[in-house]
Protein backbone atom coordinates (compact mmCIF):
# COMPACT_ATOMS: atom_id res chain seq x y z
CA MET A 1 128.35 119.45 164.26
CA LYS A 2 126.94 119.06 160.41
CA TRP A 3 130.59 118.28 159.24
CA GLY A 4 130.81 115.68 161.57
CA PHE A 5 127.29 114.10 161.26
CA LEU A 6 127.52 114.23 157.15
CA THR A 7 130.77 112.64 157.66
CA ILE A 8 130.09 109.64 159.72
CA SER A 9 126.56 109.11 157.71
CA ILE A 10 128.72 109.35 154.93
CA LEU A 11 130.63 106.70 155.99
CA LEU A 12 128.30 104.52 157.63
CA PHE A 13 126.02 104.41 155.13
CA ASN A 14 128.82 103.54 152.37
CA LEU A 15 130.21 100.80 154.63
CA VAL A 16 127.05 99.43 155.18
CA ALA A 17 126.14 99.46 151.35
CA THR A 18 129.89 98.09 150.47
CA LEU A 19 129.55 94.95 152.44
CA ILE A 20 125.84 93.79 152.40
CA LYS A 21 125.65 90.94 150.18
CA LYS A 22 124.60 91.90 146.67
CA ARG A 23 121.15 90.31 145.43
CA LEU A 24 121.09 91.98 142.14
CA LYS A 25 123.47 91.98 139.08
CA THR A 26 125.95 95.10 139.38
CA SER A 27 124.30 96.24 136.28
CA GLU A 28 120.92 96.92 137.74
CA ILE A 29 122.88 98.24 141.15
CA TYR A 30 124.55 100.87 138.51
CA THR A 31 121.47 101.96 136.48
CA THR A 32 119.49 102.27 139.46
CA VAL A 33 121.62 104.30 141.35
CA ILE A 34 122.38 106.72 138.00
CA PHE A 35 118.74 106.84 137.33
CA GLY A 36 118.59 107.85 141.38
CA LEU A 37 120.89 110.73 141.33
CA LEU A 38 118.73 111.92 138.23
CA VAL A 39 115.66 112.11 139.54
CA SER A 40 116.87 113.51 143.03
CA SER A 41 119.03 116.04 141.47
CA LEU A 42 116.34 117.32 139.13
CA VAL A 43 113.35 117.09 142.34
CA ASP A 44 116.12 118.63 144.51
CA VAL A 45 116.82 121.11 142.69
CA TYR A 46 113.56 122.20 141.34
CA ALA A 47 112.08 122.17 145.05
CA SER A 48 115.18 124.68 146.08
CA PHE A 49 114.96 127.04 143.36
CA ARG A 50 111.69 126.91 142.23
CA TYR A 51 109.42 126.28 145.66
CA ASN A 52 112.10 126.85 148.18
CA ALA A 53 110.76 123.95 149.87
CA TRP A 54 114.21 122.70 151.21
CA GLY A 55 117.99 122.53 150.26
CA PHE A 56 121.26 122.05 151.71
CA PHE A 57 123.40 123.60 153.91
CA GLU A 58 122.41 127.57 153.63
CA VAL A 59 119.20 128.96 152.68
CA GLU A 60 118.77 130.26 149.10
CA LYS A 61 122.42 129.21 148.05
CA ALA A 62 123.72 126.52 145.46
CA GLU A 63 126.91 124.87 147.59
CA LEU A 64 129.43 122.34 146.17
CA SER A 65 129.17 120.61 149.54
CA ALA A 66 125.70 119.54 148.56
CA ILE A 67 127.66 116.99 146.09
CA LEU A 68 128.68 115.33 149.32
CA ILE A 69 125.01 114.22 149.73
CA LEU A 70 124.41 113.47 146.64
CA LEU A 71 127.14 111.24 146.02
CA GLY A 72 128.03 110.42 149.42
CA ILE A 73 124.67 109.31 150.89
CA TYR A 74 122.02 108.78 148.51
CA PRO A 75 123.78 106.14 146.06
CA ALA A 76 124.35 104.18 148.79
CA ALA A 77 120.74 104.25 150.44
CA THR A 78 119.59 103.23 146.79
CA ILE A 79 121.96 100.11 147.06
CA MET A 80 120.49 99.34 150.54
CA ILE A 81 117.01 99.91 149.25
CA ILE A 82 116.88 98.17 146.18
CA ASN A 83 119.51 95.17 147.69
CA TRP A 84 117.00 94.35 150.31
CA TYR A 85 113.63 94.73 148.86
CA PRO A 86 111.83 91.73 149.47
CA TYR A 87 111.01 91.37 145.55
CA LYS A 88 109.30 87.79 145.59
CA CYS A 89 107.31 88.58 148.75
CA THR A 90 103.50 89.18 149.24
CA TRP A 91 102.25 92.98 148.89
CA ASN A 92 102.17 93.61 152.91
CA LEU A 93 105.37 92.29 153.33
CA LYS A 94 106.59 94.63 150.37
CA LEU A 95 104.24 97.64 151.96
CA THR A 96 105.86 97.02 155.45
CA TYR A 97 109.24 97.31 153.67
CA LEU A 98 108.48 100.80 152.28
CA MET A 99 106.97 101.84 155.16
CA GLY A 100 110.20 100.70 157.37
CA TRP A 101 112.16 103.01 155.06
CA ALA A 102 110.50 105.75 154.83
CA ILE A 103 110.09 105.68 158.58
CA PHE A 104 113.95 105.68 158.46
CA SER A 105 114.18 108.30 155.82
CA THR A 106 112.18 110.76 157.94
CA LEU A 107 113.97 110.19 161.49
CA TYR A 108 117.28 110.77 159.65
CA GLU A 109 115.69 113.73 157.86
CA TRP A 110 114.49 114.96 160.72
CA LEU A 111 118.61 114.63 162.13
CA THR A 112 119.79 116.08 158.99
CA ILE A 113 117.91 119.22 159.96
CA LYS A 114 118.77 119.23 163.52
CA SER A 115 122.85 119.14 162.61
CA GLY A 116 122.29 122.05 159.76
CA VAL A 117 122.70 119.64 157.17
CA ILE A 118 119.31 120.50 155.25
CA TRP A 119 116.65 123.25 155.60
CA HIS A 120 112.97 123.24 155.40
CA ASN A 121 111.01 126.23 154.45
CA ASN A 122 108.05 125.43 152.63
CA TRP A 123 107.98 121.92 153.32
CA ASN A 124 107.85 119.67 156.67
CA LEU A 125 108.68 116.28 157.73
CA PHE A 126 105.19 114.87 157.47
CA TYR A 127 105.42 115.84 153.42
CA SER A 128 108.38 113.71 153.14
CA PHE A 129 107.22 110.56 155.04
CA VAL A 130 104.13 110.62 152.79
CA MET A 131 106.71 110.69 149.85
CA TYR A 132 109.44 108.64 150.97
CA PRO A 133 107.58 105.18 149.79
CA PHE A 134 106.42 106.45 146.49
CA ILE A 135 110.02 107.40 145.68
CA TYR A 136 111.54 104.09 146.60
CA TYR A 137 108.87 102.46 144.83
CA LEU A 138 110.04 104.28 141.65
CA LEU A 139 113.53 102.72 142.45
CA ILE A 140 111.96 99.55 142.74
CA LEU A 141 109.86 100.10 139.54
CA HIS A 142 113.31 101.10 137.50
CA VAL A 143 114.61 97.63 138.54
CA LYS A 144 111.88 96.40 137.52
CA VAL A 145 111.76 97.76 134.24
CA TYR A 146 115.12 97.47 133.56
CA ARG A 147 115.05 93.58 134.15
CA TRP A 148 112.52 93.86 132.09
CA MET A 149 114.20 95.88 129.21
CA GLN A 150 117.34 93.10 129.40
CA GLN A 151 114.75 90.01 128.96
CA ARG A 152 113.69 91.56 125.57
CA ARG A 153 117.37 91.96 124.11
């Protein structure tokens, strides 16, 4: 079940990320995806091995198959999050957007747990729900910092 769920997720996420109308420059997308991969990899490794909080597939085991999640899901999700973010709207709309992604991500995480793709030990879905808006806003901040750096050139 986990491989079917993961395969469908990767295909669907990447199809959407590829087909959506891009509102950002390719360089903004590329650098933010790389930044997101760096941060998520560091957090995932630290949380898995230091705190035994969560991990992919089998408990307390580093598996090559986790790379499918890192490269198959995370970049596509990052592209959608930063591309659809309402950069020029009110803070209420921005907060609603981030909370919408937090709800979606928490539901998706619940499905990944049920399918056996990820596991939680010293972690739970509530912690994830609280953290997601901050994580996603960090991606948005990266886009803004990148733009600021490009303007200064």
